[in-house]
């Protein structure tokens, strides 16, 4: 079964499973870094929001031996877990006074998102771009946001400087940062049966800290939070190497340390090439934060 046949089968099978009162739509969805995925959207009558499930991942699972029935059951489970129970009143988006308290920013790669950046307000930041969205809701399971486009600025009669000023206040407040040692995070994955095991420096010989937000979604933007990197550098009493491990988090390494900038750059590029989904890659470059000047540079 090729990919087109696979998509057709899944659409027909999910219609049979969920009933004809639900409408199943397959559409091309452009994700971060101009990555195009096939999104299966399940529409509920009289409801203006719907979960979208990407089939590209499931086709890879099918090629590795997962049965079609298992795949359909997995998709059904995701739908039932995330099935919307009510409409979202999108009319509020026309009222800037209602929107402005929910405007936040996130980071994407500048070069890999050129088509998108033509349509949205943004700022160039190193090899990245700061973009803006309205945060509807966020949880560990996912987030609901509306990306802000250029035409929204005209409708609201505001500038991108206005958006940035709001986002600088809103984002740290709505998406609080989380900064921890990597060993501490790894210990959280130890099962109760192995609770006597404590992971230390021997399992993670490179001193690593993880910086993200409380929801672990688009947490790389925490490097923009006012004075945050400065406070971390003061706490660690050194300059910092910032490793863009994904759009969701960055790793922080004290500098100078056990590894050079070149070694850390090779590590980031290898992880991007072998471990991350293409739409989750932020950058291949390692950044440096100066404790003395408070500046972040490439």
C-alpha atoms as a PDB file:
ATOM      1  CA  UNK A   1       0.000   0.000   0.000  1.00  0.00           C
ATOM      2  CA  UNK A   2       1.505   3.332  -1.039  1.00  0.00           C
ATOM      3  CA  UNK A   3       1.006   6.597   0.834  1.00  0.00           C
ATOM      4  CA  UNK A   4      -1.971   7.794  -1.235  1.00  0.00           C
ATOM      5  CA  UNK A   5      -3.737   4.462  -0.771  1.00  0.00           C
ATOM      6  CA  UNK A   6      -2.933   4.621   2.925  1.00  0.00           C
ATOM      7  CA  UNK A   7      -4.519   8.072   3.273  1.00  0.00           C
ATOM      8  CA  UNK A   8      -7.647   6.997   1.409  1.00  0.00           C
ATOM      9  CA  UNK A   9      -7.978   3.875   3.556  1.00  0.00           C
ATOM     10  CA  UNK A  10      -7.637   5.802   6.818  1.00  0.00           C
ATOM     11  CA  UNK A  11     -10.251   8.380   5.779  1.00  0.00           C
ATOM     12  CA  UNK A  12     -12.755   5.655   4.827  1.00  0.00           C
ATOM     13  CA  UNK A  13     -12.011   3.580   7.931  1.00  0.00           C
ATOM     14  CA  UNK A  14     -12.396   6.551  10.315  1.00  0.00           C
ATOM     15  CA  UNK A  15     -15.696   7.510   8.675  1.00  0.00           C
ATOM     16  CA  UNK A  16     -16.948   3.977   9.290  1.00  0.00           C
ATOM     17  CA  UNK A  17     -15.730   4.043  12.899  1.00  0.00           C
ATOM     18  CA  UNK A  18     -17.004   7.482  13.879  1.00  0.00           C
ATOM     19  CA  UNK A  19     -20.226   7.672  11.887  1.00  0.00           C
ATOM     20  CA  UNK A  20     -21.458   9.684   8.945  1.00  0.00           C
ATOM     21  CA  UNK A  21     -22.626  12.594  11.124  1.00  0.00           C
ATOM     22  CA  UNK A  22     -18.958  13.582  11.508  1.00  0.00           C
ATOM     23  CA  UNK A  23     -17.109  15.025   8.530  1.00  0.00           C
ATOM     24  CA  UNK A  24     -13.527  13.955   7.877  1.00  0.00           C
ATOM     25  CA  UNK A  25     -11.347  16.306   5.848  1.00  0.00           C
ATOM     26  CA  UNK A  26      -7.795  15.678   4.678  1.00  0.00           C
ATOM     27  CA  UNK A  27      -5.815  18.849   4.036  1.00  0.00           C
ATOM     28  CA  UNK A  28      -2.260  20.027   3.471  1.00  0.00           C
ATOM     29  CA  UNK A  29      -1.019  21.844   6.578  1.00  0.00           C
ATOM     30  CA  UNK A  30       2.088  24.024   6.527  1.00  0.00           C
ATOM     31  CA  UNK A  31       4.025  23.699   9.754  1.00  0.00           C
ATOM     32  CA  UNK A  32       7.147  25.394  11.095  1.00  0.00           C
ATOM     33  CA  UNK A  33      10.148  25.487   8.700  1.00  0.00           C
ATOM     34  CA  UNK A  34       7.774  25.264   5.719  1.00  0.00           C
ATOM     35  CA  UNK A  35       7.155  21.571   6.391  1.00  0.00           C
ATOM     36  CA  UNK A  36       3.961  20.282   4.750  1.00  0.00           C
ATOM     37  CA  UNK A  37       1.995  17.557   6.534  1.00  0.00           C
ATOM     38  CA  UNK A  38      -1.269  15.769   5.774  1.00  0.00           C
ATOM     39  CA  UNK A  39      -3.739  16.714   8.479  1.00  0.00           C
ATOM     40  CA  UNK A  40      -6.815  14.596   9.144  1.00  0.00           C
ATOM     41  CA  UNK A  41      -9.435  16.949  10.604  1.00  0.00           C
ATOM     42  CA  UNK A  42     -12.561  15.512  12.212  1.00  0.00           C
ATOM     43  CA  UNK A  43     -15.414  18.044  12.141  1.00  0.00           C
ATOM     44  CA  UNK A  44     -18.290  17.837  14.596  1.00  0.00           C
ATOM     45  CA  UNK A  45     -21.640  19.336  13.496  1.00  0.00           C
ATOM     46  CA  UNK A  46     -22.326  22.839  14.865  1.00  0.00           C
ATOM     47  CA  UNK A  47     -18.787  23.079  16.299  1.00  0.00           C
ATOM     48  CA  UNK A  48     -16.241  25.533  14.887  1.00  0.00           C
ATOM     49  CA  UNK A  49     -13.101  23.842  16.236  1.00  0.00           C
ATOM     50  CA  UNK A  50     -11.737  20.391  15.537  1.00  0.00           C
ATOM     51  CA  UNK A  51      -8.647  18.289  16.298  1.00  0.00           C
ATOM     52  CA  UNK A  52      -6.184  17.705  13.467  1.00  0.00           C
ATOM     53  CA  UNK A  53      -4.155  14.482  13.398  1.00  0.00           C
ATOM     54  CA  UNK A  54      -1.159  14.199  11.074  1.00  0.00           C
ATOM     55  CA  UNK A  55      -0.973  11.025   8.988  1.00  0.00           C
ATOM     56  CA  UNK A  56       2.682  11.246   7.933  1.00  0.00           C
ATOM     57  CA  UNK A  57       3.797   9.841  11.267  1.00  0.00           C
ATOM     58  CA  UNK A  58       1.285   6.988  11.074  1.00  0.00           C
ATOM     59  CA  UNK A  59       2.408   5.969   7.601  1.00  0.00           C
ATOM     60  CA  UNK A  60       5.937   5.602   8.979  1.00  0.00           C
ATOM     61  CA  UNK A  61       4.503   3.387  11.703  1.00  0.00           C
ATOM     62  CA  UNK A  62       2.627   1.353   9.086  1.00  0.00           C
ATOM     63  CA  UNK A  63       5.837   0.834   7.116  1.00  0.00           C
ATOM     64  CA  UNK A  64       7.491  -0.421  10.310  1.00  0.00           C
ATOM     65  CA  UNK A  65       4.800  -3.067  10.783  1.00  0.00           C
ATOM     66  CA  UNK A  66       2.013  -1.436  12.786  1.00  0.00           C
ATOM     67  CA  UNK A  67      -1.380  -2.753  11.648  1.00  0.00           C
ATOM     68  CA  UNK A  68      -4.008  -0.528  10.034  1.00  0.00           C
ATOM     69  CA  UNK A  69      -6.477  -1.439  12.777  1.00  0.00           C
ATOM     70  CA  UNK A  70      -3.999  -0.328  15.475  1.00  0.00           C
ATOM     71  CA  UNK A  71      -3.430   2.937  13.634  1.00  0.00           C
ATOM     72  CA  UNK A  72      -7.159   3.630  13.318  1.00  0.00           C
ATOM     73  CA  UNK A  73      -7.673   2.849  17.003  1.00  0.00           C
ATOM     74  CA  UNK A  74      -4.850   5.230  17.943  1.00  0.00           C
ATOM     75  CA  UNK A  75      -6.387   8.013  15.834  1.00  0.00           C
ATOM     76  CA  UNK A  76      -9.803   7.371  17.390  1.00  0.00           C
ATOM     77  CA  UNK A  77      -8.313   7.518  20.891  1.00  0.00           C
ATOM     78  CA  UNK A  78      -6.651  10.854  20.138  1.00  0.00           C
ATOM     79  CA  UNK A  79      -9.888  12.240  18.723  1.00  0.00           C
ATOM     80  CA  UNK A  80     -11.973  11.136  21.699  1.00  0.00           C
ATOM     81  CA  UNK A  81      -9.424  12.540  24.142  1.00  0.00           C
ATOM     82  CA  UNK A  82      -9.329  15.923  22.384  1.00  0.00           C
ATOM     83  CA  UNK A  83     -12.900  16.082  21.077  1.00  0.00           C
ATOM     84  CA  UNK A  84     -14.205  19.658  21.458  1.00  0.00           C
ATOM     85  CA  UNK A  85     -17.181  20.051  23.743  1.00  0.00           C
ATOM     86  CA  UNK A  86     -18.156  23.589  22.743  1.00  0.00           C
ATOM     87  CA  UNK A  87     -17.548  26.322  20.211  1.00  0.00           C
ATOM     88  CA  UNK A  88     -14.905  28.989  20.573  1.00  0.00           C
ATOM     89  CA  UNK A  89     -16.266  32.507  20.230  1.00  0.00           C
ATOM     90  CA  UNK A  90     -13.859  33.792  17.604  1.00  0.00           C
ATOM     91  CA  UNK A  91     -15.600  37.164  17.376  1.00  0.00           C
ATOM     92  CA  UNK A  92     -13.479  38.408  20.282  1.00  0.00           C
ATOM     93  CA  UNK A  93     -10.521  38.452  17.860  1.00  0.00           C
ATOM     94  CA  UNK A  94     -11.977  41.535  16.207  1.00  0.00           C
ATOM     95  CA  UNK A  95     -11.769  43.448  19.494  1.00  0.00           C
ATOM     96  CA  UNK A  96      -8.184  44.463  20.196  1.00  0.00           C
ATOM     97  CA  UNK A  97      -8.958  45.289  23.821  1.00  0.00           C
ATOM     98  CA  UNK A  98      -9.942  41.647  24.343  1.00  0.00           C
ATOM     99  CA  UNK A  99      -6.988  40.244  22.404  1.00  0.00           C
ATOM    100  CA  UNK A 100      -4.090  42.300  23.714  1.00  0.00           C
ATOM    101  CA  UNK A 101      -3.807  40.525  27.068  1.00  0.00           C
ATOM    102  CA  UNK A 102      -3.263  37.196  25.215  1.00  0.00           C
ATOM    103  CA  UNK A 103      -0.625  38.279  22.684  1.00  0.00           C
ATOM    104  CA  UNK A 104       2.599  36.275  23.086  1.00  0.00           C
ATOM    105  CA  UNK A 105       5.690  35.624  21.004  1.00  0.00           C
ATOM    106  CA  UNK A 106       7.606  32.581  19.869  1.00  0.00           C
ATOM    107  CA  UNK A 107      10.793  31.881  17.917  1.00  0.00           C
ATOM    108  CA  UNK A 108      11.251  30.262  14.512  1.00  0.00           C
ATOM    109  CA  UNK A 109      14.156  29.960  12.118  1.00  0.00           C
ATOM    110  CA  UNK A 110      14.403  33.023   9.864  1.00  0.00           C
ATOM    111  CA  UNK A 111      15.681  31.435   6.653  1.00  0.00           C
ATOM    112  CA  UNK A 112      13.445  28.367   6.813  1.00  0.00           C
ATOM    113  CA  UNK A 113      10.225  30.386   7.174  1.00  0.00           C
ATOM    114  CA  UNK A 114      10.588  33.055   4.490  1.00  0.00           C
ATOM    115  CA  UNK A 115       7.185  32.424   2.870  1.00  0.00           C
ATOM    116  CA  UNK A 116       5.424  32.679   6.213  1.00  0.00           C
ATOM    117  CA  UNK A 117       7.322  35.782   7.304  1.00  0.00           C
ATOM    118  CA  UNK A 118       6.118  37.665   4.227  1.00  0.00           C
ATOM    119  CA  UNK A 119       2.587  37.465   5.646  1.00  0.00           C
ATOM    120  CA  UNK A 120       3.113  38.097   9.335  1.00  0.00           C
ATOM    121  CA  UNK A 121       4.648  40.806  11.569  1.00  0.00           C
ATOM    122  CA  UNK A 122       8.050  39.732  12.860  1.00  0.00           C
ATOM    123  CA  UNK A 123      11.472  40.838  14.041  1.00  0.00           C
ATOM    124  CA  UNK A 124      14.806  39.412  12.936  1.00  0.00           C
ATOM    125  CA  UNK A 125      16.721  38.104  15.949  1.00  0.00           C
ATOM    126  CA  UNK A 126      20.141  36.556  15.252  1.00  0.00           C
ATOM    127  CA  UNK A 127      19.333  33.794  12.726  1.00  0.00           C
ATOM    128  CA  UNK A 128      15.799  33.550  14.122  1.00  0.00           C
ATOM    129  CA  UNK A 129      12.539  35.466  13.836  1.00  0.00           C
ATOM    130  CA  UNK A 130      10.243  36.619  16.626  1.00  0.00           C
ATOM    131  CA  UNK A 131       6.616  36.082  15.615  1.00  0.00           C
ATOM    132  CA  UNK A 132       3.341  36.752  17.428  1.00  0.00           C
ATOM    133  CA  UNK A 133       0.142  34.880  18.172  1.00  0.00           C
ATOM    134  CA  UNK A 134      -2.914  35.089  20.363  1.00  0.00           C
ATOM    135  CA  UNK A 135      -2.866  32.400  23.038  1.00  0.00           C
ATOM    136  CA  UNK A 136      -6.315  30.881  23.525  1.00  0.00           C
ATOM    137  CA  UNK A 137      -5.368  28.019  25.813  1.00  0.00           C
ATOM    138  CA  UNK A 138      -2.327  25.910  26.622  1.00  0.00           C
ATOM    139  CA  UNK A 139      -1.846  22.582  28.371  1.00  0.00           C
ATOM    140  CA  UNK A 140       0.704  19.737  28.306  1.00  0.00           C
ATOM    141  CA  UNK A 141      -1.491  18.091  25.639  1.00  0.00           C
ATOM    142  CA  UNK A 142      -1.199  20.985  23.218  1.00  0.00           C
ATOM    143  CA  UNK A 143      -2.011  24.619  22.626  1.00  0.00           C
ATOM    144  CA  UNK A 144      -4.651  26.623  20.824  1.00  0.00           C
ATOM    145  CA  UNK A 145      -3.315  29.783  19.225  1.00  0.00           C
ATOM    146  CA  UNK A 146      -4.159  32.163  16.405  1.00  0.00           C
ATOM    147  CA  UNK A 147      -1.188  33.381  14.407  1.00  0.00           C
ATOM    148  CA  UNK A 148      -1.215  37.151  13.944  1.00  0.00           C
ATOM    149  CA  UNK A 149      -0.956  38.307  10.310  1.00  0.00           C
ATOM    150  CA  UNK A 150      -0.183  41.666   8.762  1.00  0.00           C
ATOM    151  CA  UNK A 151      -3.850  42.346   8.019  1.00  0.00           C
ATOM    152  CA  UNK A 152      -4.643  42.054  11.732  1.00  0.00           C
ATOM    153  CA  UNK A 153      -2.395  45.050  12.426  1.00  0.00           C
ATOM    154  CA  UNK A 154      -4.321  47.102   9.892  1.00  0.00           C
ATOM    155  CA  UNK A 155      -7.656  46.021  11.325  1.00  0.00           C
ATOM    156  CA  UNK A 156      -6.595  46.815  14.900  1.00  0.00           C
ATOM    157  CA  UNK A 157      -4.692  49.960  13.863  1.00  0.00           C
ATOM    158  CA  UNK A 158      -1.566  48.918  15.802  1.00  0.00           C
ATOM    159  CA  UNK A 159       2.102  48.371  14.926  1.00  0.00           C
ATOM    160  CA  UNK A 160       4.396  45.409  15.416  1.00  0.00           C
ATOM    161  CA  UNK A 161       6.163  47.492  18.076  1.00  0.00           C
ATOM    162  CA  UNK A 162       2.875  47.488  19.986  1.00  0.00           C
ATOM    163  CA  UNK A 163       2.717  43.695  19.680  1.00  0.00           C
ATOM    164  CA  UNK A 164       6.281  43.287  20.909  1.00  0.00           C
ATOM    165  CA  UNK A 165       5.695  45.505  23.939  1.00  0.00           C
ATOM    166  CA  UNK A 166       2.621  43.465  24.890  1.00  0.00           C
ATOM    167  CA  UNK A 167       4.329  40.127  24.258  1.00  0.00           C
ATOM    168  CA  UNK A 168       7.317  41.111  26.416  1.00  0.00           C
ATOM    169  CA  UNK A 169       4.905  41.441  29.338  1.00  0.00           C
ATOM    170  CA  UNK A 170       2.364  38.729  28.504  1.00  0.00           C
ATOM    171  CA  UNK A 171       4.589  35.825  27.516  1.00  0.00           C
ATOM    172  CA  UNK A 172       6.595  35.512  30.771  1.00  0.00           C
ATOM    173  CA  UNK A 173       3.320  35.881  32.687  1.00  0.00           C
ATOM    174  CA  UNK A 174       1.184  33.413  30.705  1.00  0.00           C
ATOM    175  CA  UNK A 175       4.014  30.964  29.909  1.00  0.00           C
ATOM    176  CA  UNK A 176       6.222  30.964  32.983  1.00  0.00           C
ATOM    177  CA  UNK A 177       9.771  29.748  32.497  1.00  0.00           C
ATOM    178  CA  UNK A 178      11.134  26.452  33.814  1.00  0.00           C
ATOM    179  CA  UNK A 179      14.903  26.173  34.393  1.00  0.00           C
ATOM    180  CA  UNK A 180      16.412  22.964  35.747  1.00  0.00           C
ATOM    181  CA  UNK A 181      19.502  20.822  35.688  1.00  0.00           C
ATOM    182  CA  UNK A 182      19.335  18.002  33.130  1.00  0.00           C
ATOM    183  CA  UNK A 183      20.100  15.367  35.791  1.00  0.00           C
ATOM    184  CA  UNK A 184      17.074  16.511  37.773  1.00  0.00           C
ATOM    185  CA  UNK A 185      14.856  16.120  34.716  1.00  0.00           C
ATOM    186  CA  UNK A 186      16.235  12.659  33.891  1.00  0.00           C
ATOM    187  CA  UNK A 187      15.524  11.505  37.452  1.00  0.00           C
ATOM    188  CA  UNK A 188      11.828  12.251  36.892  1.00  0.00           C
ATOM    189  CA  UNK A 189      11.704   9.457  34.304  1.00  0.00           C
ATOM    190  CA  UNK A 190      12.872   6.782  36.753  1.00  0.00           C
ATOM    191  CA  UNK A 191      10.033   4.439  37.647  1.00  0.00           C
ATOM    192  CA  UNK A 192       9.013   3.891  41.305  1.00  0.00           C
ATOM    193  CA  UNK A 193      10.503   0.376  41.092  1.00  0.00           C
ATOM    194  CA  UNK A 194      13.889   1.956  40.425  1.00  0.00           C
ATOM    195  CA  UNK A 195      13.527   4.855  42.845  1.00  0.00           C
ATOM    196  CA  UNK A 196      16.789   3.890  44.584  1.00  0.00           C
ATOM    197  CA  UNK A 197      18.622   4.923  41.408  1.00  0.00           C
ATOM    198  CA  UNK A 198      19.727   8.533  41.362  1.00  0.00           C
ATOM    199  CA  UNK A 199      21.242   9.801  38.146  1.00  0.00           C
ATOM    200  CA  UNK A 200      24.210  12.062  38.634  1.00  0.00           C
ATOM    201  CA  UNK A 201      27.083  13.536  36.698  1.00  0.00           C
ATOM    202  CA  UNK A 202      28.266  10.145  35.477  1.00  0.00           C
ATOM    203  CA  UNK A 203      25.151   9.769  33.273  1.00  0.00           C
ATOM    204  CA  UNK A 204      25.353  13.347  32.036  1.00  0.00           C
ATOM    205  CA  UNK A 205      29.048  14.316  32.214  1.00  0.00           C
ATOM    206  CA  UNK A 206      28.426  17.613  30.407  1.00  0.00           C
ATOM    207  CA  UNK A 207      26.879  20.212  32.725  1.00  0.00           C
ATOM    208  CA  UNK A 208      23.535  20.916  31.079  1.00  0.00           C
ATOM    209  CA  UNK A 209      20.553  22.993  32.098  1.00  0.00           C
ATOM    210  CA  UNK A 210      17.184  22.984  30.339  1.00  0.00           C
ATOM    211  CA  UNK A 211      15.267  26.221  29.809  1.00  0.00           C
ATOM    212  CA  UNK A 212      11.672  26.065  28.566  1.00  0.00           C
ATOM    213  CA  UNK A 213       8.234  27.199  29.702  1.00  0.00           C
ATOM    214  CA  UNK A 214       5.897  25.438  32.104  1.00  0.00           C
ATOM    215  CA  UNK A 215       4.052  23.686  29.255  1.00  0.00           C
ATOM    216  CA  UNK A 216       7.174  22.650  27.308  1.00  0.00           C
ATOM    217  CA  UNK A 217       5.653  24.141  24.138  1.00  0.00           C
ATOM    218  CA  UNK A 218       7.529  26.777  22.119  1.00  0.00           C
ATOM    219  CA  UNK A 219       9.676  27.265  25.183  1.00  0.00           C
ATOM    220  CA  UNK A 220      12.732  28.441  23.235  1.00  0.00           C
ATOM    221  CA  UNK A 221      11.204  31.932  23.441  1.00  0.00           C
ATOM    222  CA  UNK A 222      12.236  32.021  27.100  1.00  0.00           C
ATOM    223  CA  UNK A 223      15.624  33.363  25.963  1.00  0.00           C
ATOM    224  CA  UNK A 224      13.731  36.586  25.147  1.00  0.00           C
ATOM    225  CA  UNK A 225      12.307  37.016  28.645  1.00  0.00           C
ATOM    226  CA  UNK A 226      13.610  40.279  30.123  1.00  0.00           C
ATOM    227  CA  UNK A 227      16.670  39.777  32.342  1.00  0.00           C
ATOM    228  CA  UNK A 228      16.201  35.981  32.510  1.00  0.00           C
ATOM    229  CA  UNK A 229      19.489  34.981  30.863  1.00  0.00           C
ATOM    230  CA  UNK A 230      21.240  37.658  32.904  1.00  0.00           C
ATOM    231  CA  UNK A 231      19.884  36.204  36.150  1.00  0.00           C
ATOM    232  CA  UNK A 232      20.910  32.665  35.092  1.00  0.00           C
ATOM    233  CA  UNK A 233      24.433  33.856  34.255  1.00  0.00           C
ATOM    234  CA  UNK A 234      24.674  35.579  37.646  1.00  0.00           C
ATOM    235  CA  UNK A 235      23.413  32.451  39.381  1.00  0.00           C
ATOM    236  CA  UNK A 236      25.985  30.254  37.602  1.00  0.00           C
ATOM    237  CA  UNK A 237      28.660  32.996  37.838  1.00  0.00           C
ATOM    238  CA  UNK A 238      29.759  32.604  34.207  1.00  0.00           C
ATOM    239  CA  UNK A 239      28.986  33.285  30.564  1.00  0.00           C
ATOM    240  CA  UNK A 240      26.579  30.897  28.874  1.00  0.00           C
ATOM    241  CA  UNK A 241      26.423  28.773  25.748  1.00  0.00           C
ATOM    242  CA  UNK A 242      22.824  28.498  24.508  1.00  0.00           C
ATOM    243  CA  UNK A 243      22.056  25.357  22.479  1.00  0.00           C
ATOM    244  CA  UNK A 244      18.805  25.568  20.457  1.00  0.00           C
ATOM    245  CA  UNK A 245      17.723  21.981  21.009  1.00  0.00           C
ATOM    246  CA  UNK A 246      14.267  22.579  19.456  1.00  0.00           C
ATOM    247  CA  UNK A 247      11.544  25.197  19.141  1.00  0.00           C
ATOM    248  CA  UNK A 248      10.311  23.944  22.524  1.00  0.00           C
ATOM    249  CA  UNK A 249      13.445  24.352  24.648  1.00  0.00           C
ATOM    250  CA  UNK A 250      17.075  25.386  24.768  1.00  0.00           C
ATOM    251  CA  UNK A 251      19.983  23.821  26.627  1.00  0.00           C
ATOM    252  CA  UNK A 252      22.340  26.004  28.627  1.00  0.00           C
ATOM    253  CA  UNK A 253      25.983  25.115  29.181  1.00  0.00           C
ATOM    254  CA  UNK A 254      28.294  27.160  31.458  1.00  0.00           C
ATOM    255  CA  UNK A 255      31.168  28.766  29.527  1.00  0.00           C
ATOM    256  CA  UNK A 256      33.991  28.095  29.505  1.00  0.00           C
ATOM    257  CA  UNK A 257      33.316  24.464  30.316  1.00  0.00           C
ATOM    258  CA  UNK A 258      34.157  20.935  29.296  1.00  0.00           C
ATOM    259  CA  UNK A 259      33.262  21.530  25.624  1.00  0.00           C
ATOM    260  CA  UNK A 260      34.203  24.156  23.073  1.00  0.00           C
ATOM    261  CA  UNK A 261      31.793  26.176  20.994  1.00  0.00           C
ATOM    262  CA  UNK A 262      32.699  24.082  17.935  1.00  0.00           C
ATOM    263  CA  UNK A 263      32.022  20.803  19.748  1.00  0.00           C
ATOM    264  CA  UNK A 264      28.644  22.055  20.970  1.00  0.00           C
ATOM    265  CA  UNK A 265      27.728  23.222  17.458  1.00  0.00           C
ATOM    266  CA  UNK A 266      28.499  19.760  16.067  1.00  0.00           C
ATOM    267  CA  UNK A 267      26.315  18.238  18.764  1.00  0.00           C
ATOM    268  CA  UNK A 268      23.357  20.531  17.933  1.00  0.00           C
ATOM    269  CA  UNK A 269      23.629  19.796  14.217  1.00  0.00           C
ATOM    270  CA  UNK A 270      23.794  16.059  14.787  1.00  0.00           C
ATOM    271  CA  UNK A 271      20.705  16.116  17.014  1.00  0.00           C
ATOM    272  CA  UNK A 272      18.823  18.222  14.471  1.00  0.00           C
ATOM    273  CA  UNK A 273      19.732  15.820  11.683  1.00  0.00           C
ATOM    274  CA  UNK A 274      18.994  12.565  13.505  1.00  0.00           C
ATOM    275  CA  UNK A 275      16.665  13.112  16.468  1.00  0.00           C
ATOM    276  CA  UNK A 276      14.208  15.929  15.709  1.00  0.00           C
ATOM    277  CA  UNK A 277      11.201  16.131  13.435  1.00  0.00           C
ATOM    278  CA  UNK A 278      11.966  18.751  10.746  1.00  0.00           C
ATOM    279  CA  UNK A 279       9.192  21.060  11.980  1.00  0.00           C
ATOM    280  CA  UNK A 280      10.728  21.151  15.482  1.00  0.00           C
ATOM    281  CA  UNK A 281      14.199  22.373  14.452  1.00  0.00           C
ATOM    282  CA  UNK A 282      15.046  25.890  15.583  1.00  0.00           C
ATOM    283  CA  UNK A 283      18.659  26.467  14.507  1.00  0.00           C
ATOM    284  CA  UNK A 284      22.003  24.789  13.789  1.00  0.00           C
ATOM    285  CA  UNK A 285      23.914  27.542  15.602  1.00  0.00           C
ATOM    286  CA  UNK A 286      25.061  27.819  19.205  1.00  0.00           C
ATOM    287  CA  UNK A 287      24.652  31.227  20.855  1.00  0.00           C
ATOM    288  CA  UNK A 288      26.796  32.921  23.488  1.00  0.00           C
ATOM    289  CA  UNK A 289      25.497  35.074  26.336  1.00  0.00           C
ATOM    290  CA  UNK A 290      27.894  37.475  28.001  1.00  0.00           C
ATOM    291  CA  UNK A 291      27.457  37.873  31.743  1.00  0.00           C
ATOM    292  CA  UNK A 292      29.320  41.206  31.594  1.00  0.00           C
ATOM    293  CA  UNK A 293      27.428  42.885  28.736  1.00  0.00           C
ATOM    294  CA  UNK A 294      24.102  41.044  28.988  1.00  0.00           C
ATOM    295  CA  UNK A 295      24.144  40.456  25.222  1.00  0.00           C
ATOM    296  CA  UNK A 296      23.286  37.310  23.275  1.00  0.00           C
ATOM    297  CA  UNK A 297      25.301  36.703  20.116  1.00  0.00           C
ATOM    298  CA  UNK A 298      26.094  34.022  17.547  1.00  0.00           C
END
